[in-house]
Amino acid sequence: MRVELERSGGFAGMTRRAVLNTADLDPALAQAAETALDALPWDQPPAPATTRDTFQFTVRLLDGAGHGRTAVIPESVLPPALRPLTDQLATRRAPRP
């Protein structure tokens, strides 16, 4: 599953973006991540952050034609099964347009 992931906010207000694929994960982690992705509040207004200076994650699932759906999730309610994806933001970058 191809995923565009963006982390914004936090104390410094920096934004990081990456394009990831769940197929690059260990199969058990990939299955858990895909299940968590399926359960996200797609195309809904974001939930309010519960604390200041936390991150907000914007997740986009893309199909082969570049169309997709978007979910915006505050760090405080990010499903733990998505951590293998969000942890990769430190090492991966989105391709330049």
PDB file of N, CA and C in Angstrom:
ATOM      1  N   MET A   1       0.858  -1.170   0.000  1.00  0.00           N
ATOM      2  CA  MET A   1       0.000   0.000   0.000  1.00  0.00           C
ATOM      3  C   MET A   1       0.905   1.233   0.000  1.00  0.00           C
ATOM      4  N   ARG A   2       0.705   2.126  -0.951  1.00  0.00           N
ATOM      5  CA  ARG A   2       1.520   3.342  -1.050  1.00  0.00           C
ATOM      6  C   ARG A   2       0.891   4.442  -0.196  1.00  0.00           C
ATOM      7  N   VAL A   3       1.715   5.078   0.640  1.00  0.00           N
ATOM      8  CA  VAL A   3       1.246   6.063   1.601  1.00  0.00           C
ATOM      9  C   VAL A   3       2.115   7.311   1.526  1.00  0.00           C
ATOM     10  N   GLU A   4       1.476   8.474   1.406  1.00  0.00           N
ATOM     11  CA  GLU A   4       2.175   9.753   1.588  1.00  0.00           C
ATOM     12  C   GLU A   4       1.935  10.153   3.030  1.00  0.00           C
ATOM     13  N   LEU A   5       2.995  10.506   3.720  1.00  0.00           N
ATOM     14  CA  LEU A   5       2.891  10.839   5.124  1.00  0.00           C
ATOM     15  C   LEU A   5       3.553  12.183   5.365  1.00  0.00           C
ATOM     16  N   GLU A   6       2.882  13.028   6.118  1.00  0.00           N
ATOM     17  CA  GLU A   6       3.426  14.339   6.468  1.00  0.00           C
ATOM     18  C   GLU A   6       3.264  14.537   7.959  1.00  0.00           C
ATOM     19  N   ARG A   7       4.333  14.981   8.611  1.00  0.00           N
ATOM     20  CA  ARG A   7       4.279  15.325  10.033  1.00  0.00           C
ATOM     21  C   ARG A   7       4.549  16.818  10.145  1.00  0.00           C
ATOM     22  N   SER A   8       3.645  17.527  10.802  1.00  0.00           N
ATOM     23  CA  SER A   8       3.807  18.969  10.969  1.00  0.00           C
ATOM     24  C   SER A   8       3.561  19.329  12.421  1.00  0.00           C
ATOM     25  N   GLY A   9       3.908  20.566  12.750  1.00  0.00           N
ATOM     26  CA  GLY A   9       3.680  21.046  14.108  1.00  0.00           C
ATOM     27  C   GLY A   9       4.858  20.766  15.007  1.00  0.00           C
ATOM     28  N   GLY A  10       4.552  20.487  16.251  1.00  0.00           N
ATOM     29  CA  GLY A  10       5.599  20.288  17.240  1.00  0.00           C
ATOM     30  C   GLY A  10       6.140  21.618  17.716  1.00  0.00           C
ATOM     31  N   PHE A  11       7.091  21.570  18.600  1.00  0.00           N
ATOM     32  CA  PHE A  11       7.654  22.780  19.191  1.00  0.00           C
ATOM     33  C   PHE A  11       8.295  23.675  18.134  1.00  0.00           C
ATOM     34  N   ALA A  12       9.040  23.082  17.193  1.00  0.00           N
ATOM     35  CA  ALA A  12       9.745  23.873  16.173  1.00  0.00           C
ATOM     36  C   ALA A  12       8.869  24.188  14.966  1.00  0.00           C
ATOM     37  N   GLY A  13       7.755  23.511  14.816  1.00  0.00           N
ATOM     38  CA  GLY A  13       6.858  23.775  13.705  1.00  0.00           C
ATOM     39  C   GLY A  13       7.370  23.298  12.354  1.00  0.00           C
ATOM     40  N   MET A  14       8.309  22.365  12.355  1.00  0.00           N
ATOM     41  CA  MET A  14       8.868  21.867  11.102  1.00  0.00           C
ATOM     42  C   MET A  14       7.938  20.822  10.483  1.00  0.00           C
ATOM     43  N   THR A  15       8.007  20.704   9.161  1.00  0.00           N
ATOM     44  CA  THR A  15       7.214  19.717   8.439  1.00  0.00           C
ATOM     45  C   THR A  15       8.149  18.725   7.756  1.00  0.00           C
ATOM     46  N   ARG A  16       7.839  17.447   7.886  1.00  0.00           N
ATOM     47  CA  ARG A  16       8.576  16.381   7.199  1.00  0.00           C
ATOM     48  C   ARG A  16       7.584  15.596   6.364  1.00  0.00           C
ATOM     49  N   ARG A  17       8.020  15.207   5.174  1.00  0.00           N
ATOM     50  CA  ARG A  17       7.171  14.432   4.272  1.00  0.00           C
ATOM     51  C   ARG A  17       7.940  13.218   3.759  1.00  0.00           C
ATOM     52  N   ALA A  18       7.204  12.159   3.498  1.00  0.00           N
ATOM     53  CA  ALA A  18       7.805  10.963   2.908  1.00  0.00           C
ATOM     54  C   ALA A  18       6.727  10.183   2.173  1.00  0.00           C
ATOM     55  N   VAL A  19       7.165   9.439   1.179  1.00  0.00           N
ATOM     56  CA  VAL A  19       6.302   8.488   0.494  1.00  0.00           C
ATOM     57  C   VAL A  19       6.807   7.109   0.896  1.00  0.00           C
ATOM     58  N   LEU A  20       5.919   6.302   1.449  1.00  0.00           N
ATOM     59  CA  LEU A  20       6.284   5.000   1.985  1.00  0.00           C
ATOM     60  C   LEU A  20       5.435   3.918   1.341  1.00  0.00           C
ATOM     61  N   ASN A  21       5.880   2.685   1.475  1.00  0.00           N
ATOM     62  CA  ASN A  21       5.096   1.563   1.007  1.00  0.00           C
ATOM     63  C   ASN A  21       5.102   0.509   2.102  1.00  0.00           C
ATOM     64  N   THR A  22       3.927   0.041   2.470  1.00  0.00           N
ATOM     65  CA  THR A  22       3.853  -0.956   3.537  1.00  0.00           C
ATOM     66  C   THR A  22       4.556  -2.255   3.143  1.00  0.00           C
ATOM     67  N   ALA A  23       4.742  -2.486   1.847  1.00  0.00           N
ATOM     68  CA  ALA A  23       5.447  -3.689   1.394  1.00  0.00           C
ATOM     69  C   ALA A  23       6.916  -3.679   1.819  1.00  0.00           C
ATOM     70  N   ASP A  24       7.445  -2.504   2.190  1.00  0.00           N
ATOM     71  CA  ASP A  24       8.831  -2.400   2.635  1.00  0.00           C
ATOM     72  C   ASP A  24       9.008  -2.791   4.097  1.00  0.00           C
ATOM     73  N   LEU A  25       7.906  -3.018   4.807  1.00  0.00           N
ATOM     74  CA  LEU A  25       7.953  -3.374   6.221  1.00  0.00           C
ATOM     75  C   LEU A  25       7.975  -4.889   6.400  1.00  0.00           C
ATOM     76  N   ASP A  26       8.348  -5.320   7.588  1.00  0.00           N
ATOM     77  CA  ASP A  26       8.190  -6.714   7.974  1.00  0.00           C
ATOM     78  C   ASP A  26       6.716  -7.083   7.766  1.00  0.00           C
ATOM     79  N   PRO A  27       6.407  -8.264   7.243  1.00  0.00           N
ATOM     80  CA  PRO A  27       5.015  -8.617   6.936  1.00  0.00           C
ATOM     81  C   PRO A  27       4.032  -8.436   8.094  1.00  0.00           C
ATOM     82  N   ALA A  28       4.428  -8.773   9.308  1.00  0.00           N
ATOM     83  CA  ALA A  28       3.517  -8.611  10.451  1.00  0.00           C
ATOM     84  C   ALA A  28       3.256  -7.131  10.727  1.00  0.00           C
ATOM     85  N   LEU A  29       4.302  -6.299  10.657  1.00  0.00           N
ATOM     86  CA  LEU A  29       4.135  -4.861  10.859  1.00  0.00           C
ATOM     87  C   LEU A  29       3.314  -4.255   9.729  1.00  0.00           C
ATOM     88  N   ALA A  30       3.534  -4.730   8.515  1.00  0.00           N
ATOM     89  CA  ALA A  30       2.780  -4.220   7.368  1.00  0.00           C
ATOM     90  C   ALA A  30       1.298  -4.518   7.533  1.00  0.00           C
ATOM     91  N   GLN A  31       0.960  -5.727   7.957  1.00  0.00           N
ATOM     92  CA  GLN A  31      -0.447  -6.088   8.148  1.00  0.00           C
ATOM     93  C   GLN A  31      -1.090  -5.220   9.219  1.00  0.00           C
ATOM     94  N   ALA A  32      -0.398  -5.009  10.331  1.00  0.00           N
ATOM     95  CA  ALA A  32      -0.934  -4.160  11.401  1.00  0.00           C
ATOM     96  C   ALA A  32      -1.101  -2.723  10.924  1.00  0.00           C
ATOM     97  N   ALA A  33      -0.136  -2.215  10.172  1.00  0.00           N
ATOM     98  CA  ALA A  33      -0.216  -0.840   9.658  1.00  0.00           C
ATOM     99  C   ALA A  33      -1.379  -0.702   8.686  1.00  0.00           C
ATOM    100  N   GLU A  34      -1.560  -1.679   7.804  1.00  0.00           N
ATOM    101  CA  GLU A  34      -2.653  -1.607   6.835  1.00  0.00           C
ATOM    102  C   GLU A  34      -4.014  -1.669   7.519  1.00  0.00           C
ATOM    103  N   THR A  35      -4.126  -2.468   8.560  1.00  0.00           N
ATOM    104  CA  THR A  35      -5.376  -2.530   9.328  1.00  0.00           C
ATOM    105  C   THR A  35      -5.646  -1.188   9.997  1.00  0.00           C
ATOM    106  N   ALA A  36      -4.602  -0.579  10.581  1.00  0.00           N
ATOM    107  CA  ALA A  36      -4.758   0.729  11.220  1.00  0.00           C
ATOM    108  C   ALA A  36      -5.098   1.799  10.186  1.00  0.00           C
ATOM    109  N   LEU A  37      -4.479   1.732   9.015  1.00  0.00           N
ATOM    110  CA  LEU A  37      -4.780   2.699   7.956  1.00  0.00           C
ATOM    111  C   LEU A  37      -6.244   2.586   7.522  1.00  0.00           C
ATOM    112  N   ASP A  38      -6.740   1.380   7.384  1.00  0.00           N
ATOM    113  CA  ASP A  38      -8.132   1.179   6.979  1.00  0.00           C
ATOM    114  C   ASP A  38      -9.110   1.798   7.975  1.00  0.00           C
ATOM    115  N   ALA A  39      -8.722   1.858   9.246  1.00  0.00           N
ATOM    116  CA  ALA A  39      -9.620   2.352  10.296  1.00  0.00           C
ATOM    117  C   ALA A  39      -9.535   3.860  10.523  1.00  0.00           C
ATOM    118  N   LEU A  40      -8.654   4.559   9.806  1.00  0.00           N
ATOM    119  CA  LEU A  40      -8.515   6.005  10.021  1.00  0.00           C
ATOM    120  C   LEU A  40      -9.773   6.758   9.587  1.00  0.00           C
ATOM    121  N   PRO A  41      -9.982   7.957  10.142  1.00  0.00           N
ATOM    122  CA  PRO A  41     -11.157   8.775   9.780  1.00  0.00           C
ATOM    123  C   PRO A  41     -10.929   9.488   8.442  1.00  0.00           C
ATOM    124  N   TRP A  42     -11.086   8.775   7.345  1.00  0.00           N
ATOM    125  CA  TRP A  42     -10.788   9.303   6.017  1.00  0.00           C
ATOM    126  C   TRP A  42     -11.719  10.424   5.632  1.00  0.00           C
ATOM    127  N   ASP A  43     -11.109  11.468   5.060  1.00  0.00           N
ATOM    128  CA  ASP A  43     -11.839  12.614   4.503  1.00  0.00           C
ATOM    129  C   ASP A  43     -12.793  13.258   5.506  1.00  0.00           C
ATOM    130  N   GLN A  44     -12.385  13.278   6.778  1.00  0.00           N
ATOM    131  CA  GLN A  44     -13.139  13.914   7.848  1.00  0.00           C
ATOM    132  C   GLN A  44     -12.333  15.102   8.384  1.00  0.00           C
ATOM    133  N   PRO A  45     -12.995  16.063   9.026  1.00  0.00           N
ATOM    134  CA  PRO A  45     -12.224  17.144   9.661  1.00  0.00           C
ATOM    135  C   PRO A  45     -11.301  16.550  10.726  1.00  0.00           C
ATOM    136  N   PRO A  46     -10.117  17.129  10.915  1.00  0.00           N
ATOM    137  CA  PRO A  46      -9.187  16.572  11.907  1.00  0.00           C
ATOM    138  C   PRO A  46      -9.722  16.702  13.319  1.00  0.00           C
ATOM    139  N   ALA A  47      -9.372  15.727  14.141  1.00  0.00           N
ATOM    140  CA  ALA A  47      -9.701  15.803  15.566  1.00  0.00           C
ATOM    141  C   ALA A  47      -8.841  16.889  16.189  1.00  0.00           C
ATOM    142  N   PRO A  48      -9.358  17.598  17.192  1.00  0.00           N
ATOM    143  CA  PRO A  48      -8.544  18.635  17.825  1.00  0.00           C
ATOM    144  C   PRO A  48      -7.386  18.028  18.612  1.00  0.00           C
ATOM    145  N   ALA A  49      -6.258  18.718  18.596  1.00  0.00           N
ATOM    146  CA  ALA A  49      -5.108  18.277  19.384  1.00  0.00           C
ATOM    147  C   ALA A  49      -5.444  18.400  20.857  1.00  0.00           C
ATOM    148  N   THR A  50      -4.964  17.447  21.648  1.00  0.00           N
ATOM    149  CA  THR A  50      -5.269  17.471  23.076  1.00  0.00           C
ATOM    150  C   THR A  50      -4.199  18.187  23.891  1.00  0.00           C
ATOM    151  N   THR A  51      -3.024  18.396  23.295  1.00  0.00           N
ATOM    152  CA  THR A  51      -1.956  19.127  23.983  1.00  0.00           C
ATOM    153  C   THR A  51      -1.270  20.065  23.001  1.00  0.00           C
ATOM    154  N   ARG A  52      -0.592  21.061  23.540  1.00  0.00           N
ATOM    155  CA  ARG A  52       0.122  22.012  22.698  1.00  0.00           C
ATOM    156  C   ARG A  52       1.444  21.421  22.241  1.00  0.00           C
ATOM    157  N   ASP A  53       1.951  21.970  21.157  1.00  0.00           N
ATOM    158  CA  ASP A  53       3.273  21.614  20.636  1.00  0.00           C
ATOM    159  C   ASP A  53       3.407  20.127  20.307  1.00  0.00           C
ATOM    160  N   THR A  54       2.328  19.515  19.863  1.00  0.00           N
ATOM    161  CA  THR A  54       2.410  18.124  19.427  1.00  0.00           C
ATOM    162  C   THR A  54       2.376  18.072  17.903  1.00  0.00           C
ATOM    163  N   PHE A  55       2.684  16.919  17.392  1.00  0.00           N
ATOM    164  CA  PHE A  55       2.676  16.738  15.951  1.00  0.00           C
ATOM    165  C   PHE A  55       1.271  16.427  15.447  1.00  0.00           C
ATOM    166  N   GLN A  56       1.089  16.730  14.189  1.00  0.00           N
ATOM    167  CA  GLN A  56      -0.124  16.351  13.471  1.00  0.00           C
ATOM    168  C   GLN A  56       0.338  15.589  12.233  1.00  0.00           C
ATOM    169  N   PHE A  57      -0.306  14.473  11.952  1.00  0.00           N
ATOM    170  CA  PHE A  57       0.062  13.649  10.810  1.00  0.00           C
ATOM    171  C   PHE A  57      -1.033  13.724   9.754  1.00  0.00           C
ATOM    172  N   THR A  58      -0.630  13.983   8.524  1.00  0.00           N
ATOM    173  CA  THR A  58      -1.533  13.923   7.387  1.00  0.00           C
ATOM    174  C   THR A  58      -1.143  12.690   6.590  1.00  0.00           C
ATOM    175  N   VAL A  59      -2.109  11.800   6.411  1.00  0.00           N
ATOM    176  CA  VAL A  59      -1.872  10.529   5.739  1.00  0.00           C
ATOM    177  C   VAL A  59      -2.699  10.520   4.458  1.00  0.00           C
ATOM    178  N   ARG A  60      -2.055  10.196   3.336  1.00  0.00           N
ATOM    179  CA  ARG A  60      -2.760  10.074   2.056  1.00  0.00           C
ATOM    180  C   ARG A  60      -2.480   8.699   1.481  1.00  0.00           C
ATOM    181  N   LEU A  61      -3.543   7.973   1.181  1.00  0.00           N
ATOM    182  CA  LEU A  61      -3.403   6.698   0.482  1.00  0.00           C
ATOM    183  C   LEU A  61      -3.575   6.973  -0.997  1.00  0.00           C
ATOM    184  N   LEU A  62      -2.677   6.461  -1.807  1.00  0.00           N
ATOM    185  CA  LEU A  62      -2.689   6.742  -3.231  1.00  0.00           C
ATOM    186  C   LEU A  62      -2.962   5.475  -4.030  1.00  0.00           C
ATOM    187  N   ASP A  63      -3.763   5.615  -5.068  1.00  0.00           N
ATOM    188  CA  ASP A  63      -3.948   4.504  -5.987  1.00  0.00           C
ATOM    189  C   ASP A  63      -2.984   4.674  -7.159  1.00  0.00           C
ATOM    190  N   GLY A  64      -3.026   3.794  -8.116  1.00  0.00           N
ATOM    191  CA  GLY A  64      -2.100   3.835  -9.230  1.00  0.00           C
ATOM    192  C   GLY A  64      -2.200   5.086 -10.083  1.00  0.00           C
ATOM    193  N   ALA A  65      -3.368   5.749 -10.073  1.00  0.00           N
ATOM    194  CA  ALA A  65      -3.570   6.958 -10.874  1.00  0.00           C
ATOM    195  C   ALA A  65      -3.229   8.224 -10.099  1.00  0.00           C
ATOM    196  N   GLY A  66      -2.747   8.082  -8.864  1.00  0.00           N
ATOM    197  CA  GLY A  66      -2.404   9.250  -8.069  1.00  0.00           C
ATOM    198  C   GLY A  66      -3.567   9.849  -7.300  1.00  0.00           C
ATOM    199  N   HIS A  67      -4.737   9.214  -7.360  1.00  0.00           N
ATOM    200  CA  HIS A  67      -5.890   9.669  -6.589  1.00  0.00           C
ATOM    201  C   HIS A  67      -5.869   8.972  -5.240  1.00  0.00           C
ATOM    202  N   GLY A  68      -6.500   9.579  -4.269  1.00  0.00           N
ATOM    203  CA  GLY A  68      -6.498   8.935  -2.970  1.00  0.00           C
ATOM    204  C   GLY A  68      -7.435   9.581  -1.996  1.00  0.00           C
ATOM    205  N   ARG A  69      -7.230   9.216  -0.758  1.00  0.00           N
ATOM    206  CA  ARG A  69      -8.023   9.779   0.330  1.00  0.00           C
ATOM    207  C   ARG A  69      -7.067  10.250   1.414  1.00  0.00           C
ATOM    208  N   THR A  70      -7.557  11.186   2.234  1.00  0.00           N
ATOM    209  CA  THR A  70      -6.701  11.851   3.215  1.00  0.00           C
ATOM    210  C   THR A  70      -7.304  11.765   4.607  1.00  0.00           C
ATOM    211  N   ALA A  71      -6.431  11.580   5.590  1.00  0.00           N
ATOM    212  CA  ALA A  71      -6.828  11.629   7.002  1.00  0.00           C
ATOM    213  C   ALA A  71      -5.806  12.495   7.733  1.00  0.00           C
ATOM    214  N   VAL A  72      -6.293  13.323   8.658  1.00  0.00           N
ATOM    215  CA  VAL A  72      -5.423  14.170   9.479  1.00  0.00           C
ATOM    216  C   VAL A  72      -5.626  13.739  10.923  1.00  0.00           C
ATOM    217  N   ILE A  73      -4.517  13.336  11.571  1.00  0.00           N
ATOM    218  CA  ILE A  73      -4.597  12.754  12.907  1.00  0.00           C
ATOM    219  C   ILE A  73      -3.612  13.436  13.837  1.00  0.00           C
ATOM    220  N   PRO A  74      -4.086  13.959  14.977  1.00  0.00           N
ATOM    221  CA  PRO A  74      -3.150  14.478  15.979  1.00  0.00           C
ATOM    222  C   PRO A  74      -2.323  13.333  16.568  1.00  0.00           C
ATOM    223  N   GLU A  75      -1.118  13.638  16.960  1.00  0.00           N
ATOM    224  CA  GLU A  75      -0.229  12.621  17.524  1.00  0.00           C
ATOM    225  C   GLU A  75      -0.866  11.905  18.712  1.00  0.00           C
ATOM    226  N   SER A  76      -1.668  12.614  19.480  1.00  0.00           N
ATOM    227  CA  SER A  76      -2.260  12.031  20.687  1.00  0.00           C
ATOM    228  C   SER A  76      -3.219  10.882  20.398  1.00  0.00           C
ATOM    229  N   VAL A  77      -3.744  10.794  19.176  1.00  0.00           N
ATOM    230  CA  VAL A  77      -4.670   9.708  18.844  1.00  0.00           C
ATOM    231  C   VAL A  77      -4.148   8.839  17.694  1.00  0.00           C
ATOM    232  N   LEU A  78      -2.869   8.976  17.373  1.00  0.00           N
ATOM    233  CA  LEU A  78      -2.270   8.179  16.312  1.00  0.00           C
ATOM    234  C   LEU A  78      -2.241   6.717  16.752  1.00  0.00           C
ATOM    235  N   PRO A  79      -2.791   5.803  15.949  1.00  0.00           N
ATOM    236  CA  PRO A  79      -2.768   4.389  16.326  1.00  0.00           C
ATOM    237  C   PRO A  79      -1.330   3.871  16.441  1.00  0.00           C
ATOM    238  N   PRO A  80      -1.013   3.139  17.503  1.00  0.00           N
ATOM    239  CA  PRO A  80       0.345   2.614  17.668  1.00  0.00           C
ATOM    240  C   PRO A  80       0.818   1.770  16.487  1.00  0.00           C
ATOM    241  N   ALA A  81      -0.090   1.118  15.791  1.00  0.00           N
ATOM    242  CA  ALA A  81       0.295   0.280  14.651  1.00  0.00           C
ATOM    243  C   ALA A  81       0.862   1.097  13.498  1.00  0.00           C
ATOM    244  N   LEU A  82       0.640   2.424  13.509  1.00  0.00           N
ATOM    245  CA  LEU A  82       1.203   3.271  12.445  1.00  0.00           C
ATOM    246  C   LEU A  82       2.606   3.761  12.763  1.00  0.00           C
ATOM    247  N   ARG A  83       3.107   3.499  13.951  1.00  0.00           N
ATOM    248  CA  ARG A  83       4.455   3.961  14.330  1.00  0.00           C
ATOM    249  C   ARG A  83       5.558   3.462  13.395  1.00  0.00           C
ATOM    250  N   PRO A  84       5.495   2.210  12.886  1.00  0.00           N
ATOM    251  CA  PRO A  84       6.552   1.816  11.943  1.00  0.00           C
ATOM    252  C   PRO A  84       6.605   2.726  10.711  1.00  0.00           C
ATOM    253  N   LEU A  85       5.472   3.274  10.308  1.00  0.00           N
ATOM    254  CA  LEU A  85       5.462   4.212   9.180  1.00  0.00           C
ATOM    255  C   LEU A  85       5.943   5.587   9.619  1.00  0.00           C
ATOM    256  N   THR A  86       5.395   6.106  10.713  1.00  0.00           N
ATOM    257  CA  THR A  86       5.759   7.461  11.126  1.00  0.00           C
ATOM    258  C   THR A  86       7.222   7.548  11.564  1.00  0.00           C
ATOM    259  N   ASP A  87       7.769   6.456  12.094  1.00  0.00           N
ATOM    260  CA  ASP A  87       9.181   6.464  12.495  1.00  0.00           C
ATOM    261  C   ASP A  87      10.114   6.621  11.298  1.00  0.00           C
ATOM    262  N   GLN A  88       9.658   6.272  10.114  1.00  0.00           N
ATOM    263  CA  GLN A  88      10.494   6.378   8.921  1.00  0.00           C
ATOM    264  C   GLN A  88      10.612   7.813   8.410  1.00  0.00           C
ATOM    265  N   LEU A  89       9.826   8.727   8.958  1.00  0.00           N
ATOM    266  CA  LEU A  89       9.932  10.126   8.528  1.00  0.00           C
ATOM    267  C   LEU A  89      11.303  10.715   8.823  1.00  0.00           C
ATOM    268  N   ALA A  90      11.977  10.179   9.820  1.00  0.00           N
ATOM    269  CA  ALA A  90      13.300  10.703  10.170  1.00  0.00           C
ATOM    270  C   ALA A  90      14.347  10.355   9.122  1.00  0.00           C
ATOM    271  N   THR A  91      14.117   9.282   8.345  1.00  0.00           N
ATOM    272  CA  THR A  91      15.137   8.846   7.408  1.00  0.00           C
ATOM    273  C   THR A  91      14.738   8.965   5.943  1.00  0.00           C
ATOM    274  N   ARG A  92      13.458   9.116   5.673  1.00  0.00           N
ATOM    275  CA  ARG A  92      12.997   9.173   4.275  1.00  0.00           C
ATOM    276  C   ARG A  92      12.457  10.555   3.967  1.00  0.00           C
ATOM    277  N   ARG A  93      12.544  10.904   2.724  1.00  0.00           N
ATOM    278  CA  ARG A  93      12.007  12.172   2.224  1.00  0.00           C
ATOM    279  C   ARG A  93      11.118  11.878   1.027  1.00  0.00           C
ATOM    280  N   ALA A  94      10.148  12.735   0.811  1.00  0.00           N
ATOM    281  CA  ALA A  94       9.297  12.611  -0.363  1.00  0.00           C
ATOM    282  C   ALA A  94      10.095  12.992  -1.605  1.00  0.00           C
ATOM    283  N   PRO A  95       9.801  12.339  -2.722  1.00  0.00           N
ATOM    284  CA  PRO A  95      10.495  12.743  -3.955  1.00  0.00           C
ATOM    285  C   PRO A  95      10.099  14.148  -4.353  1.00  0.00           C
ATOM    286  N   ARG A  96      11.017  14.838  -4.960  1.00  0.00           N
ATOM    287  CA  ARG A  96      10.727  16.203  -5.425  1.00  0.00           C
ATOM    288  C   ARG A  96       9.821  16.142  -6.641  1.00  0.00           C
ATOM    289  N   PRO A  97       8.867  17.108  -6.743  1.00  0.00           N
ATOM    290  CA  PRO A  97       7.944  17.108  -7.894  1.00  0.00           C
ATOM    291  C   PRO A  97       8.656  17.352  -9.206  1.00  0.00           C
TER     292      PRO A  97
END
